[in-house]
């Protein structure tokens, strides 16, 4: 379920984007929550529902996409945590249960900095406690993959490591810049792969310029 932006989410999001070089100014209006800036230039506004609004002719695309990925990834995690029940196991009652399959569980805890941190465990023999924890900090995608592997839902050999995803991203950038005979459809596919890689590594800042697209469709715009 999608929830309104909470003070806890706002605190964590503002700190996270500050680490990426952005500044946020709280809006006084009834519908808008934040204005986000980079180097003094406004990138977007964010409303109380967690939607991103911007003027297409003003907002830099690279910064806009970076904020969009951060916002959607963090909002998904905070909404998931809000809806999750308390974990019923000895010694870990301050965690919430995100998912369970067999003896494996994926759990999350909101820490003092209002960030959601993830752990996977296995239940002990009588299912009253947990053991063999794998800790993933704020890396939800990594925790989900570890849970799926531990639960036997997917084979580990079919997963890409973070290092392999970066290599894949670099290869897409290289072909997009250097293959003069690439078709428009192939170029769109490369761009789609790059976006998927970036969404799976939200804390990694790709320093490559976005490769040019002849006609890029913008999925995020909403004129004020």
Protein backbone atom coordinates (compact mmCIF):
# COMPACT_ATOMS: atom_id res chain seq x y z
CA UNK A 1 0.00 0.00 0.00
CA UNK A 2 1.26 3.47 -0.84
CA UNK A 3 1.40 5.82 2.14
CA UNK A 4 1.85 9.54 2.62
CA UNK A 5 5.38 10.76 3.24
CA UNK A 6 6.22 10.38 6.94
CA UNK A 7 8.62 12.56 8.95
CA UNK A 8 10.90 9.51 9.26
CA UNK A 9 11.01 9.05 5.50
CA UNK A 10 11.57 12.77 4.94
CA UNK A 11 14.50 12.78 7.36
CA UNK A 12 16.18 9.76 5.73
CA UNK A 13 15.52 10.95 2.16
CA UNK A 14 16.83 14.47 2.80
CA UNK A 15 20.02 13.09 4.32
CA UNK A 16 20.46 10.55 1.52
CA UNK A 17 20.19 13.09 -1.30
CA UNK A 18 22.42 15.51 0.61
CA UNK A 19 25.11 12.85 0.34
CA UNK A 20 24.56 12.87 -3.43
CA UNK A 21 25.16 16.63 -3.66
CA UNK A 22 21.56 17.86 -3.56
CA UNK A 23 19.92 20.29 -1.15
CA UNK A 24 16.28 20.25 -0.08
CA UNK A 25 14.05 23.10 1.01
CA UNK A 26 10.73 22.39 2.71
CA UNK A 27 7.71 23.91 0.96
CA UNK A 28 5.06 25.85 2.86
CA UNK A 29 2.23 24.93 0.49
CA UNK A 30 -0.53 22.47 1.30
CA UNK A 31 0.21 20.00 -1.50
CA UNK A 32 3.98 20.30 -2.00
CA UNK A 33 6.50 19.01 0.53
CA UNK A 34 10.04 19.66 -0.76
CA UNK A 35 11.96 21.51 -3.45
CA UNK A 36 15.24 19.83 -4.45
CA UNK A 37 18.21 21.76 -5.84
CA UNK A 38 21.61 20.94 -7.37
CA UNK A 39 24.21 23.71 -7.59
CA UNK A 40 21.50 26.29 -6.95
CA UNK A 41 19.28 25.04 -9.79
CA UNK A 42 15.92 23.46 -8.97
CA UNK A 43 15.69 19.84 -10.01
CA UNK A 44 12.16 18.96 -8.87
CA UNK A 45 9.45 19.28 -6.26
CA UNK A 46 8.04 16.41 -4.21
CA UNK A 47 4.50 16.24 -2.88
CA UNK A 48 3.07 14.60 0.26
CA UNK A 49 2.25 11.40 -1.66
CA UNK A 50 5.88 10.95 -2.72
CA UNK A 51 5.34 12.05 -6.32
CA UNK A 52 8.07 13.99 -8.16
CA UNK A 53 7.06 17.10 -10.12
CA UNK A 54 9.25 19.24 -12.36
CA UNK A 55 9.40 21.59 -15.32
CA UNK A 56 10.86 19.59 -18.23
CA UNK A 57 12.55 22.61 -19.81
CA UNK A 58 14.37 23.48 -16.58
CA UNK A 59 15.27 20.24 -14.78
CA UNK A 60 18.58 18.57 -15.80
CA UNK A 61 17.76 15.04 -16.93
CA UNK A 62 20.67 13.25 -15.25
CA UNK A 63 19.98 14.83 -11.84
CA UNK A 64 16.24 14.29 -12.25
CA UNK A 65 16.70 10.58 -12.93
CA UNK A 66 19.04 10.24 -9.96
CA UNK A 67 16.49 11.80 -7.62
CA UNK A 68 13.68 9.71 -9.13
CA UNK A 69 15.55 6.43 -8.55
CA UNK A 70 16.43 7.40 -4.98
CA UNK A 71 12.92 8.59 -4.18
CA UNK A 72 11.08 5.58 -5.58
CA UNK A 73 13.47 3.02 -4.06
CA UNK A 74 13.31 4.61 -0.59
CA UNK A 75 9.54 5.16 -0.70
CA UNK A 76 8.94 1.54 -1.67
CA UNK A 77 11.04 0.37 1.28
CA UNK A 78 9.38 2.68 3.81
CA UNK A 79 5.87 1.73 2.61
CA UNK A 80 6.81 -1.96 2.81
CA UNK A 81 8.11 -1.52 6.33
CA UNK A 82 4.98 0.38 7.42
CA UNK A 83 2.74 -2.51 6.33
CA UNK A 84 4.91 -5.30 7.76
CA UNK A 85 3.96 -7.09 11.02
CA UNK A 86 6.28 -7.37 14.01
CA UNK A 87 8.66 -10.33 13.84
CA UNK A 88 7.62 -12.93 16.42
CA UNK A 89 10.97 -14.39 17.46
CA UNK A 90 13.06 -14.25 20.63
CA UNK A 91 15.50 -11.35 20.83
CA UNK A 92 14.50 -9.65 17.57
CA UNK A 93 11.09 -8.19 18.41
CA UNK A 94 12.24 -4.78 17.18
CA UNK A 95 12.34 -6.15 13.62
CA UNK A 96 9.41 -6.45 11.23
CA UNK A 97 8.75 -9.47 9.04
CA UNK A 98 8.99 -8.58 5.35
CA UNK A 99 8.79 -12.09 3.90
CA UNK A 100 9.08 -15.74 4.93
CA UNK A 101 9.44 -19.01 3.05
CA UNK A 102 10.09 -22.30 4.78
CA UNK A 103 12.65 -21.67 7.51
CA UNK A 104 14.02 -18.49 5.89
CA UNK A 105 12.89 -14.96 6.68
CA UNK A 106 13.59 -11.46 5.43
CA UNK A 107 13.26 -8.86 8.18
CA UNK A 108 13.78 -5.11 8.54
CA UNK A 109 14.39 -2.61 11.31
CA UNK A 110 14.17 1.18 11.38
CA UNK A 111 17.25 2.54 13.14
CA UNK A 112 17.80 5.85 14.91
CA UNK A 113 18.67 7.63 11.66
CA UNK A 114 15.25 6.58 10.23
CA UNK A 115 16.87 4.30 7.65
CA UNK A 116 15.42 0.83 7.04
CA UNK A 117 18.05 -1.90 7.39
CA UNK A 118 17.58 -5.50 6.26
CA UNK A 119 18.61 -8.91 7.54
CA UNK A 120 17.94 -12.47 6.42
CA UNK A 121 17.81 -15.28 8.96
CA UNK A 122 16.80 -18.88 9.37
CA UNK A 123 14.45 -19.95 12.14
CA UNK A 124 15.94 -22.18 14.81
CA UNK A 125 14.75 -25.75 15.25
CA UNK A 126 11.57 -24.86 17.18
CA UNK A 127 10.93 -21.61 15.27
CA UNK A 128 11.00 -19.48 18.43
CA UNK A 129 14.26 -17.73 17.55
CA UNK A 130 16.50 -17.01 14.57
CA UNK A 131 20.09 -17.82 13.60
CA UNK A 132 22.73 -17.34 10.89
CA UNK A 133 21.98 -13.73 10.09
CA UNK A 134 23.13 -12.05 6.89
CA UNK A 135 23.11 -8.26 7.23
CA UNK A 136 22.56 -5.89 4.31
CA UNK A 137 22.25 -2.42 5.84
CA UNK A 138 19.94 -0.40 3.51
CA UNK A 139 20.50 -2.68 0.51
CA UNK A 140 16.98 -4.03 -0.03
CA UNK A 141 17.73 -5.55 -3.43
CA UNK A 142 20.71 -7.46 -2.03
CA UNK A 143 18.65 -8.68 0.92
CA UNK A 144 15.84 -9.86 -1.39
CA UNK A 145 18.28 -11.79 -3.52
CA UNK A 146 19.92 -13.39 -0.49
CA UNK A 147 16.50 -14.37 0.89
CA UNK A 148 15.49 -15.93 -2.44
CA UNK A 149 18.74 -17.92 -2.62
CA UNK A 150 18.59 -19.08 1.02
CA UNK A 151 14.95 -20.10 0.59
CA UNK A 152 15.76 -22.04 -2.59
CA UNK A 153 13.51 -19.87 -4.75
CA UNK A 154 16.27 -19.05 -7.26
CA UNK A 155 19.69 -20.47 -8.10
CA UNK A 156 22.63 -18.32 -7.01
CA UNK A 157 24.40 -18.98 -10.34
CA UNK A 158 21.63 -17.08 -12.16
CA UNK A 159 22.27 -13.86 -10.24
CA UNK A 160 24.63 -11.07 -11.28
CA UNK A 161 26.98 -9.71 -8.63
CA UNK A 162 27.25 -5.93 -8.15
CA UNK A 163 30.64 -5.98 -9.89
CA UNK A 164 29.17 -7.86 -12.86
CA UNK A 165 26.31 -5.36 -13.11
CA UNK A 166 28.79 -2.47 -13.24
CA UNK A 167 30.69 -4.21 -16.06
CA UNK A 168 27.40 -4.71 -17.91
CA UNK A 169 26.53 -1.04 -17.46
CA UNK A 170 29.96 0.03 -18.76
CA UNK A 171 29.57 -2.22 -21.81
CA UNK A 172 26.20 -0.65 -22.63
CA UNK A 173 27.67 2.84 -22.33
CA UNK A 174 30.63 1.90 -24.53
CA UNK A 175 28.48 0.46 -27.31
CA UNK A 176 26.04 3.36 -27.18
CA UNK A 177 28.88 5.85 -27.64
CA UNK A 178 30.98 3.98 -30.19
CA UNK A 179 28.65 1.90 -32.38
CA UNK A 180 27.70 4.30 -35.17
CA UNK A 181 25.58 1.64 -36.88
CA UNK A 182 23.39 0.88 -33.85
CA UNK A 183 19.69 0.95 -34.60
CA UNK A 184 17.26 3.14 -32.68
CA UNK A 185 15.55 0.07 -31.19
CA UNK A 186 18.86 -1.39 -30.00
CA UNK A 187 19.81 1.98 -28.51
CA UNK A 188 16.52 2.08 -26.59
CA UNK A 189 17.20 -1.45 -25.33
CA UNK A 190 20.69 -0.46 -24.14
CA UNK A 191 19.24 2.52 -22.30
CA UNK A 192 16.62 0.27 -20.68
CA UNK A 193 19.32 -2.17 -19.49
CA UNK A 194 21.34 0.72 -18.05
CA UNK A 195 18.32 1.97 -16.10
CA UNK A 196 17.69 -1.51 -14.69
CA UNK A 197 21.30 -1.83 -13.58
CA UNK A 198 21.19 1.61 -11.94
CA UNK A 199 17.93 0.80 -10.16
CA UNK A 200 19.53 -2.35 -8.71
CA UNK A 201 22.50 -0.38 -7.36
CA UNK A 202 20.80 2.81 -6.11
CA UNK A 203 23.69 3.83 -3.86
CA UNK A 204 26.25 3.65 -6.67
CA UNK A 205 26.75 6.90 -8.60
CA UNK A 206 27.47 6.19 -12.24
CA UNK A 207 29.86 8.85 -13.46
CA UNK A 208 29.21 8.19 -17.13
CA UNK A 209 27.21 10.73 -19.06
CA UNK A 210 23.90 9.39 -20.27
CA UNK A 211 24.32 8.20 -23.83
CA UNK A 212 22.33 10.33 -26.30
CA UNK A 213 18.98 9.07 -27.45
CA UNK A 214 17.45 10.29 -30.69
CA UNK A 215 14.01 10.45 -29.15
CA UNK A 216 13.86 9.74 -25.44
CA UNK A 217 10.47 9.33 -23.87
CA UNK A 218 10.35 10.85 -20.41
CA UNK A 219 8.27 8.79 -18.01
CA UNK A 220 8.52 11.09 -15.03
CA UNK A 221 7.41 14.52 -16.19
CA UNK A 222 4.42 16.32 -14.77
CA UNK A 223 4.12 20.00 -15.53
CA UNK A 224 3.26 22.26 -12.64
